[in-house]
Amino acid sequence: MKKIYTSYEEVDKELEILRLEREISIRKIGNDVEDITGLFSPNKLIHQGLASLGSTVKNSKGIKTLVLSTVFKFLFNKFIKKK
């Protein structure tokens, strides 16, 4: 729908509103890019990976058994073979 302007002041006011809306949109995009960049930072990825691994181990009996048996074998071999 076409808008009909009756003066140059109305045109200038509309152009100023559009310029401000464009600037706001550009700033929002910049903030979104910063947020996304933060999500894929090496520290964040490592933290998320370790948290995921921890929850997997916590919820899996098979993995718990494997880890515990490996730790016990290591400790047994280290301390028993020393004596």
Protein backbone atom coordinates (compact mmCIF):
# COMPACT_ATOMS: atom_id res chain seq x y z
CA MET A 1 0.00 0.00 0.00
CA LYS A 2 1.45 3.32 -1.06
CA LYS A 3 1.74 6.06 1.47
CA ILE A 4 1.03 9.57 0.27
CA TYR A 5 3.15 12.32 1.77
CA THR A 6 1.96 15.89 1.93
CA SER A 7 5.26 17.54 2.86
CA TYR A 8 9.00 17.05 2.79
CA GLU A 9 8.99 16.98 6.59
CA GLU A 10 6.86 13.83 6.53
CA VAL A 11 9.26 12.21 4.07
CA ASP A 12 12.27 13.19 6.21
CA LYS A 13 10.56 11.86 9.35
CA GLU A 14 9.78 8.52 7.64
CA LEU A 15 13.34 8.25 6.34
CA GLU A 16 14.72 8.90 9.84
CA ILE A 17 12.47 6.19 11.29
CA LEU A 18 13.60 3.73 8.62
CA ARG A 19 17.27 4.61 9.25
CA LEU A 20 16.86 4.01 12.99
CA GLU A 21 15.04 0.70 12.42
CA ARG A 22 17.88 -0.39 10.10
CA GLU A 23 20.51 0.54 12.71
CA ILE A 24 18.63 -1.41 15.40
CA SER A 25 18.43 -4.46 13.11
CA ILE A 26 22.15 -4.30 12.36
CA ARG A 27 22.97 -4.12 16.08
CA LYS A 28 20.71 -7.10 16.79
CA ILE A 29 22.51 -9.11 14.11
CA GLY A 30 25.84 -8.13 15.67
CA ASN A 31 24.67 -9.32 19.08
CA ASP A 32 23.43 -12.60 17.59
CA VAL A 33 26.80 -13.16 15.92
CA GLU A 34 28.58 -12.59 19.25
CA ASP A 35 26.25 -15.06 20.98
CA ILE A 36 26.81 -17.71 18.30
CA THR A 37 30.56 -17.15 18.34
CA GLY A 38 30.53 -17.64 22.11
CA LEU A 39 28.68 -20.93 21.75
CA PHE A 40 31.37 -22.31 19.47
CA SER A 41 34.40 -21.11 21.39
CA PRO A 42 36.91 -23.87 22.22
CA ASN A 43 36.35 -23.55 25.97
CA LYS A 44 32.58 -23.80 25.61
CA LEU A 45 32.84 -26.81 23.26
CA ILE A 46 35.20 -28.64 25.63
CA HIS A 47 32.96 -27.87 28.60
CA GLN A 48 29.86 -29.12 26.77
CA GLY A 49 31.68 -32.24 25.57
CA LEU A 50 32.90 -33.12 29.05
CA ALA A 51 29.47 -32.47 30.54
CA SER A 52 27.90 -34.74 27.93
CA LEU A 53 30.48 -37.46 28.54
CA GLY A 54 29.95 -37.16 32.29
CA SER A 55 26.19 -37.55 32.00
CA THR A 56 26.63 -40.52 29.65
CA VAL A 57 28.96 -42.27 32.09
CA LYS A 58 26.67 -41.42 35.00
CA ASN A 59 23.64 -42.95 33.28
CA SER A 60 25.30 -46.04 31.81
CA LYS A 61 25.98 -49.14 33.88
CA GLY A 62 28.15 -50.67 31.15
CA ILE A 63 30.46 -47.68 30.93
CA LYS A 64 30.63 -47.40 34.74
CA THR A 65 31.63 -51.03 34.96
CA LEU A 66 34.26 -50.63 32.27
CA VAL A 67 35.77 -47.53 33.87
CA LEU A 68 35.74 -48.98 37.37
CA SER A 69 37.25 -52.29 36.27
CA THR A 70 39.99 -50.45 34.37
CA VAL A 71 40.77 -48.25 37.38
CA PHE A 72 40.83 -51.22 39.74
CA LYS A 73 43.09 -53.22 37.39
CA PHE A 74 45.46 -50.27 37.17
CA LEU A 75 45.55 -49.78 40.94
CA PHE A 76 45.89 -53.50 41.58
CA ASN A 77 48.79 -53.83 39.13
CA LYS A 78 50.49 -50.72 40.45
CA PHE A 79 50.30 -51.53 44.17
CA ILE A 80 50.44 -55.34 44.15
CA LYS A 81 53.28 -55.64 41.69
CA LYS A 82 55.34 -53.08 43.65
CA LYS A 83 55.38 -55.32 46.75
